[in-house]
Amino acid sequence: MLKTIPLEDAVGHVLAHDITEIRPGDFKGPAFKKGHIVTKEDILHLKRLGKEHLYVLTLDPGELHEDDAALRLATAIAGENVEFDQRPSEGKISLKSKIKGLFKVDVDALVQIAMIPEICVSSLHNNTVVKQGQIVAATRVIPLVVKCKVIEEVEEICKNTKIFNIKSLNKLRTGVIVTGNEVYYGLIEDRFNGTIAKKLKDYECDILKTLYCPDNTQMIVNAINELISENVKLIIISGGMSVDPDDVTRLAIAEAGATEIVYGTPILPGAMFLYAKIRGIPIMGLPACVIYFKTTVFDIMLPRVLAGEEIKREDVARLAHGGICLNCKECRYPICPFGKG
């Protein structure tokens, strides 16, 4: 309810408008912003600004000030490794990452919240790699005073889920297998290992050992078993991932005992990517595009594997939307639509 009251009676009330202050040659702007709750200490300042009466809002039962509502909203949606300032401003709060990790969004629940017109919640894309301290989402309560039932609706949506979470990225001991007769016999220089090492370094993952194999199924199987015996926690195999008769890498992966095999993606570049597990160890089969393009399916899938996610066929299929690289002259990934369905 909006009303005019004497200044001395304004303590505890909510300002319904900005109050401007002008100090010639020094400052012009709001001394007090709309939504500010008047304190005893504010009275003298307001008198110096020539105020004897104020337009204020009074909260009826079942109503919340925008800042109180924003705090409840942020508390409802912020999950694992997401933090926020407990002092909102004008009903706004930014949510930040506590760690470097993989940002996860419950998109369906977020859409439900977005259907509520009195509030605004926006975020980065799902599966974005974020840095510690980075803003990942923001909230805004739109009216100065909002009904409690509006925030209760959000809290009900979040009763069994947190909208935003950030998964930590494991620093996995990695084994690399480079396949192909042309590399094994020294006919061409290996470019896979350097490319893989550079991308792993960004996530502080060490390559324990690199093995080279010709297009020989049994030798690739033996290499996989050797790496497993040396306690690697991630195996990356490059080359031989196409459907040509002499490309046997994916067949060797299956013969080595792989389960949960997902082969082929709707991602370009990266259509012939393979994911599987052998004795609980994730295996990533990389097609040749990894060495020809700056950004590929590997950049999209690596952080998800490091976050400990199980990669399912449906997960990969969803990447068809946003799964084509624009091959820009200056690559700015991940600040682009690639891999963001």
Protein backbone atom coordinates (compact mmCIF):
# COMPACT_ATOMS: atom_id res chain seq x y z
CA MET A 1 0.00 0.00 0.00
CA LEU A 2 1.39 3.44 -1.00
CA LYS A 3 0.94 6.34 1.42
CA THR A 4 2.52 9.61 2.57
CA ILE A 5 3.78 9.79 6.16
CA PRO A 6 5.72 12.31 8.28
CA LEU A 7 9.47 11.79 8.18
CA GLU A 8 9.67 10.99 11.91
CA ASP A 9 7.23 8.09 11.40
CA ALA A 10 9.12 6.59 8.43
CA VAL A 11 11.55 4.31 10.31
CA GLY A 12 11.02 0.72 9.20
CA HIS A 13 9.02 1.68 6.11
CA VAL A 14 9.98 0.99 2.49
CA LEU A 15 10.72 3.91 0.17
CA ALA A 16 8.45 3.91 -2.85
CA HIS A 17 10.82 6.01 -5.00
CA ASP A 18 14.43 7.16 -5.33
CA ILE A 19 15.47 10.25 -3.37
CA THR A 20 17.98 12.35 -5.26
CA GLU A 21 20.87 14.20 -3.69
CA ILE A 22 22.84 16.99 -5.40
CA ARG A 23 26.19 18.19 -4.11
CA PRO A 24 27.39 20.82 -6.63
CA GLY A 25 30.62 19.80 -8.31
CA ASP A 26 30.72 16.54 -6.36
CA PHE A 27 27.72 14.27 -6.72
CA LYS A 28 24.30 13.93 -8.29
CA GLY A 29 22.37 10.72 -7.88
CA PRO A 30 20.18 8.68 -5.57
CA ALA A 31 21.00 9.12 -1.89
CA PHE A 32 18.38 6.49 -1.15
CA LYS A 33 17.01 4.08 -3.68
CA LYS A 34 13.50 2.81 -4.13
CA GLY A 35 13.00 -0.16 -1.87
CA HIS A 36 15.33 1.13 0.84
CA ILE A 37 14.07 0.42 4.35
CA VAL A 38 14.36 3.64 6.35
CA THR A 39 16.46 3.49 9.52
CA LYS A 40 16.73 5.85 12.46
CA GLU A 41 20.17 6.92 11.21
CA ASP A 42 18.65 7.99 7.86
CA ILE A 43 16.34 10.66 9.33
CA LEU A 44 18.94 13.44 9.70
CA HIS A 45 20.26 12.82 6.18
CA LEU A 46 16.73 13.00 4.78
CA LYS A 47 16.09 16.27 6.62
CA ARG A 48 19.24 17.75 5.05
CA LEU A 49 17.73 16.82 1.70
CA GLY A 50 14.67 18.89 2.57
CA LYS A 51 12.34 15.99 3.24
CA GLU A 52 9.52 16.35 5.75
CA HIS A 53 7.28 13.60 4.35
CA LEU A 54 7.98 10.40 2.43
CA TYR A 55 6.06 8.19 0.05
CA VAL A 56 6.38 4.72 1.55
CA LEU A 57 5.10 1.22 1.03
CA THR A 58 3.71 -0.81 3.87
CA LEU A 59 3.86 -4.60 3.76
CA ASP A 60 0.57 -6.35 4.28
CA PRO A 61 0.43 -9.88 5.70
CA GLY A 62 1.56 -12.37 3.04
CA GLU A 63 3.88 -9.87 1.30
CA LEU A 64 7.67 -9.69 1.07
CA HIS A 65 10.09 -6.87 0.38
CA GLU A 66 12.04 -7.46 -2.83
CA ASP A 67 15.34 -8.05 -0.99
CA ASP A 68 13.84 -10.58 1.42
CA ALA A 69 12.18 -12.32 -1.50
CA ALA A 70 15.46 -12.35 -3.45
CA LEU A 71 17.26 -14.05 -0.57
CA ARG A 72 14.65 -16.79 -0.38
CA LEU A 73 14.74 -17.16 -4.16
CA ALA A 74 18.55 -17.53 -4.27
CA THR A 75 18.49 -19.98 -1.36
CA ALA A 76 15.95 -22.14 -3.19
CA ILE A 77 17.83 -22.36 -6.49
CA ALA A 78 21.51 -22.44 -5.41
CA GLY A 79 22.94 -25.92 -5.03
CA GLU A 80 26.33 -27.57 -4.70
CA ASN A 81 29.32 -25.21 -4.99
CA VAL A 82 27.13 -22.18 -5.75
CA GLU A 83 27.33 -19.15 -3.45
CA PHE A 84 25.82 -15.68 -3.30
CA ASP A 85 26.04 -12.42 -1.36
CA GLN A 86 23.57 -12.33 1.52
CA ARG A 87 23.03 -8.60 0.87
CA PRO A 88 20.82 -8.22 -2.20
CA SER A 89 20.43 -4.88 -3.94
CA GLU A 90 17.07 -3.83 -5.37
CA GLY A 91 15.91 -7.41 -5.36
CA LYS A 92 18.95 -8.58 -7.35
CA ILE A 93 21.46 -11.29 -6.45
CA SER A 94 24.31 -12.77 -8.49
CA LEU A 95 25.19 -16.42 -7.98
CA LYS A 96 28.86 -17.37 -8.25
CA SER A 97 30.91 -20.54 -8.50
CA LYS A 98 32.91 -21.59 -5.45
CA ILE A 99 35.23 -23.69 -7.62
CA LYS A 100 36.45 -24.32 -11.13
CA GLY A 101 34.01 -26.91 -12.37
CA LEU A 102 31.18 -27.95 -14.67
CA PHE A 103 28.06 -25.81 -14.35
CA LYS A 104 24.87 -27.88 -14.32
CA VAL A 105 21.39 -26.53 -14.88
CA ASP A 106 18.08 -28.30 -14.33
CA VAL A 107 16.71 -26.74 -17.50
CA ASP A 108 13.16 -28.06 -17.15
CA ALA A 109 12.85 -26.68 -13.62
CA LEU A 110 14.40 -23.38 -14.72
CA VAL A 111 11.74 -23.05 -17.41
CA GLN A 112 9.03 -23.65 -14.79
CA ILE A 113 10.43 -20.78 -12.73
CA ALA A 114 10.65 -18.56 -15.81
CA MET A 115 6.90 -18.98 -16.25
CA ILE A 116 6.37 -16.98 -13.05
CA PRO A 117 6.14 -13.33 -14.22
CA GLU A 118 7.09 -11.61 -10.96
CA ILE A 119 10.63 -12.98 -10.88
CA CYS A 120 13.60 -13.32 -13.19
CA VAL A 121 16.25 -16.05 -13.08
CA SER A 122 18.83 -16.32 -15.85
CA SER A 123 22.02 -18.33 -16.20
CA LEU A 124 24.88 -19.52 -18.33
CA HIS A 125 24.30 -22.57 -20.49
CA ASN A 126 24.16 -26.01 -18.98
CA ASN A 127 27.52 -27.86 -19.08
CA THR A 128 29.62 -24.69 -19.19
CA VAL A 129 33.07 -24.95 -17.61
CA VAL A 130 33.32 -22.10 -15.10
CA LYS A 131 36.09 -20.56 -13.00
CA GLN A 132 36.11 -19.98 -9.27
CA GLY A 133 34.30 -16.73 -8.50
CA GLN A 134 32.63 -16.53 -11.91
CA ILE A 135 29.01 -15.36 -12.05
CA VAL A 136 26.94 -18.31 -13.28
CA ALA A 137 23.40 -17.02 -12.74
CA ALA A 138 21.46 -14.00 -11.52
CA THR A 139 18.07 -13.38 -9.95
CA ARG A 140 15.76 -10.40 -9.84
CA VAL A 141 12.48 -9.92 -8.02
CA ILE A 142 10.64 -7.55 -10.33
CA PRO A 143 8.06 -5.78 -8.10
CA LEU A 144 9.15 -3.87 -5.02
CA VAL A 145 6.75 -5.95 -2.95
CA VAL A 146 5.88 -9.51 -3.92
CA LYS A 147 3.36 -11.98 -2.57
CA CYS A 148 4.82 -14.73 -0.40
CA LYS A 149 3.01 -17.31 -2.51
CA VAL A 150 5.16 -16.35 -5.51
CA ILE A 151 8.36 -17.32 -3.72
CA GLU A 152 6.66 -20.36 -2.21
CA GLU A 153 5.91 -21.51 -5.76
CA VAL A 154 9.63 -21.39 -6.55
CA GLU A 155 10.47 -23.19 -3.31
CA GLU A 156 7.99 -25.92 -4.23
CA ILE A 157 9.64 -26.39 -7.64
CA CYS A 158 13.03 -26.66 -5.90
CA LYS A 159 11.83 -28.98 -3.15
CA ASN A 160 13.47 -32.02 -4.74
CA THR A 161 16.07 -30.34 -6.94
CA LYS A 162 18.46 -27.43 -6.94
CA ILE A 163 18.38 -25.53 -10.22
CA PHE A 164 22.10 -24.74 -10.28
CA ASN A 165 25.00 -26.97 -9.23
CA ILE A 166 28.68 -27.06 -10.07
CA LYS A 167 30.49 -30.35 -10.30
CA SER A 168 34.18 -30.52 -9.44
CA LEU A 169 36.54 -31.72 -12.18
CA ASN A 170 38.74 -34.70 -11.33
CA LYS A 171 42.43 -34.53 -12.19
CA LEU A 172 42.67 -37.96 -13.75
CA ARG A 173 45.88 -39.89 -14.45
CA THR A 174 45.56 -40.42 -18.18
CA GLY A 175 46.91 -42.99 -20.59
CA VAL A 176 47.01 -42.24 -24.33
CA ILE A 177 47.06 -44.72 -27.19
CA VAL A 178 47.82 -43.42 -30.69
CA THR A 179 46.84 -45.87 -33.41
CA GLY A 180 47.54 -46.08 -37.12
CA ASN A 181 50.15 -47.76 -39.31
CA GLU A 182 51.34 -44.43 -40.70
CA VAL A 183 52.29 -43.13 -37.23
CA TYR A 184 53.50 -46.46 -35.81
CA TYR A 185 55.93 -47.03 -38.68
CA GLY A 186 57.15 -43.43 -38.69
CA LEU A 187 55.68 -42.48 -42.06
CA ILE A 188 54.08 -39.35 -40.61
CA GLU A 189 54.61 -37.38 -37.42
CA ASP A 190 52.22 -37.93 -34.53
CA ARG A 191 50.13 -34.84 -33.89
CA PHE A 192 47.55 -36.43 -31.63
CA ASN A 193 49.59 -36.66 -28.45
CA GLY A 194 50.58 -32.99 -28.39
CA THR A 195 47.01 -31.86 -29.03
CA ILE A 196 45.62 -34.13 -26.31
CA ALA A 197 48.31 -33.11 -23.82
CA LYS A 198 47.57 -29.42 -24.31
CA LYS A 199 43.86 -29.86 -23.68
CA LEU A 200 44.44 -32.09 -20.66
CA LYS A 201 46.83 -29.53 -19.19
CA ASP A 202 43.98 -27.02 -19.03
CA TYR A 203 42.34 -29.37 -16.52
CA GLU A 204 45.57 -30.27 -14.68
CA CYS A 205 45.46 -33.88 -15.89
CA ASP A 206 48.81 -35.63 -16.39
CA ILE A 207 49.56 -38.12 -19.15
CA LEU A 208 51.11 -41.11 -17.40
CA LYS A 209 52.11 -42.94 -20.57
CA THR A 210 51.62 -42.76 -24.33
CA LEU A 211 51.60 -46.00 -26.37
CA TYR A 212 51.69 -46.39 -30.14
CA CYS A 213 49.97 -49.20 -32.02
CA PRO A 214 49.51 -50.13 -35.68
CA ASP A 215 46.07 -50.97 -37.02
CA ASN A 216 46.14 -54.29 -35.22
CA THR A 217 43.23 -55.26 -33.00
CA GLN A 218 45.18 -57.42 -30.55
CA MET A 219 47.98 -54.89 -30.11
CA ILE A 220 45.44 -52.19 -29.27
CA VAL A 221 43.75 -54.54 -26.79
CA ASN A 222 47.13 -55.25 -25.20
CA ALA A 223 47.87 -51.52 -24.94
CA ILE A 224 44.55 -50.89 -23.21
CA ASN A 225 45.27 -53.65 -20.70
CA GLU A 226 48.77 -52.29 -20.09
CA LEU A 227 47.45 -48.86 -19.22
CA ILE A 228 44.81 -50.32 -16.92
CA SER A 229 47.46 -52.37 -15.13
CA GLU A 230 49.34 -49.12 -14.46
CA ASN A 231 46.30 -47.66 -12.70
CA VAL A 232 45.30 -44.93 -15.13
CA LYS A 233 41.88 -43.40 -14.51
CA LEU A 234 41.18 -42.25 -18.07
CA ILE A 235 42.18 -43.74 -21.42
CA ILE A 236 42.18 -41.67 -24.61
CA ILE A 237 42.58 -43.51 -27.90
CA SER A 238 43.09 -41.63 -31.14
CA GLY A 239 42.84 -42.71 -34.74
CA GLY A 240 41.06 -45.57 -36.46
CA MET A 241 37.59 -44.44 -35.43
CA SER A 242 35.95 -44.39 -38.87
CA VAL A 243 34.04 -47.23 -40.54
CA ASP A 244 36.77 -48.09 -43.05
CA PRO A 245 37.78 -51.78 -43.03
CA ASP A 246 41.32 -51.02 -41.83
CA ASP A 247 40.13 -48.79 -38.96
CA VAL A 248 39.96 -51.32 -36.16
CA THR A 249 40.32 -49.13 -33.07
CA ARG A 250 36.67 -49.12 -32.05
CA LEU A 251 36.48 -52.88 -32.60
CA ALA A 252 39.53 -53.34 -30.36
CA ILE A 253 37.90 -51.24 -27.65
CA ALA A 254 34.88 -53.54 -27.72
CA GLU A 255 37.08 -56.64 -27.70
CA ALA A 256 38.96 -55.29 -24.65
CA GLY A 257 35.73 -55.61 -22.69
CA ALA A 258 34.17 -52.19 -23.11
CA THR A 259 30.67 -51.60 -21.85
CA GLU A 260 28.25 -48.66 -22.13
CA ILE A 261 29.60 -47.99 -25.63
CA VAL A 262 28.29 -44.83 -27.31
CA TYR A 263 29.65 -44.49 -30.84
CA GLY A 264 28.79 -41.73 -33.26
CA THR A 265 27.57 -38.24 -32.41
CA PRO A 266 25.50 -35.47 -34.04
CA ILE A 267 28.45 -33.12 -33.47
CA LEU A 268 30.55 -31.60 -36.24
CA PRO A 269 33.50 -31.84 -36.05
CA GLY A 270 33.40 -35.07 -34.10
CA ALA A 271 30.82 -37.39 -35.65
CA MET A 272 32.95 -40.52 -35.05
CA PHE A 273 33.61 -39.99 -31.36
CA LEU A 274 33.36 -42.99 -29.03
CA TYR A 275 32.74 -43.20 -25.29
CA ALA A 276 32.82 -46.40 -23.27
CA LYS A 277 34.00 -47.89 -20.00
CA ILE A 278 36.34 -50.78 -19.29
CA ARG A 279 36.35 -52.03 -15.70
CA GLY A 280 34.92 -48.69 -14.61
CA ILE A 281 37.58 -46.63 -16.43
CA PRO A 282 36.24 -44.15 -19.02
CA ILE A 283 37.52 -44.56 -22.57
CA MET A 284 37.37 -41.74 -25.10
CA GLY A 285 37.92 -42.62 -28.76
CA LEU A 286 38.91 -39.56 -30.76
CA PRO A 287 38.49 -39.14 -34.51
CA ALA A 288 41.09 -37.44 -36.69
CA CYS A 289 39.24 -34.11 -36.62
CA VAL A 290 40.78 -33.44 -33.19
CA ILE A 291 44.10 -32.55 -34.82
CA TYR A 292 42.64 -30.50 -37.67
CA PHE A 293 40.18 -28.27 -35.83
CA LYS A 294 40.78 -26.06 -32.80
CA THR A 295 37.48 -27.03 -31.16
CA THR A 296 35.75 -30.38 -31.52
CA VAL A 297 33.62 -32.95 -29.75
CA PHE A 298 36.59 -33.59 -27.43
CA ASP A 299 36.29 -30.10 -25.92
CA ILE A 300 32.60 -30.67 -25.24
CA MET A 301 32.86 -34.16 -23.76
CA LEU A 302 36.15 -34.00 -21.81
CA PRO A 303 34.88 -31.82 -18.92
CA ARG A 304 31.80 -33.99 -18.57
CA VAL A 305 33.95 -37.09 -18.26
CA LEU A 306 36.24 -35.36 -15.76
CA ALA A 307 33.15 -34.41 -13.75
CA GLY A 308 32.39 -38.12 -13.41
CA GLU A 309 29.28 -38.08 -15.58
CA GLU A 310 27.99 -41.22 -17.26
CA ILE A 311 27.64 -40.43 -20.95
CA LYS A 312 24.45 -41.91 -22.38
CA ARG A 313 23.18 -42.03 -25.94
CA GLU A 314 20.44 -39.52 -25.11
CA ASP A 315 23.02 -37.11 -23.65
CA VAL A 316 24.89 -37.17 -26.92
CA ALA A 317 21.73 -36.97 -29.04
CA ARG A 318 20.69 -33.75 -27.28
CA LEU A 319 23.86 -32.10 -28.55
CA ALA A 320 22.47 -32.17 -32.10
CA HIS A 321 20.90 -28.82 -31.19
CA GLY A 322 23.92 -26.52 -31.17
CA GLY A 323 26.26 -29.29 -32.27
CA ILE A 324 27.76 -27.68 -35.34
CA CYS A 325 30.94 -25.61 -35.07
CA LEU A 326 30.86 -22.37 -37.07
CA ASN A 327 34.61 -22.68 -37.74
CA CYS A 328 35.10 -18.97 -37.09
CA LYS A 329 38.26 -17.30 -38.30
CA GLU A 330 39.04 -16.43 -34.68
CA CYS A 331 37.89 -19.21 -32.36
CA ARG A 332 36.46 -17.86 -29.09
CA TYR A 333 35.16 -21.15 -27.70
CA PRO A 334 33.55 -21.57 -25.22
CA ILE A 335 32.06 -18.11 -25.78
CA CYS A 336 30.00 -19.37 -28.70
CA PRO A 337 26.94 -21.57 -29.36
CA PHE A 338 28.92 -24.75 -30.13
CA GLY A 339 27.83 -27.61 -27.90
CA LYS A 340 25.20 -25.55 -26.09
CA GLY A 341 21.83 -27.10 -26.89
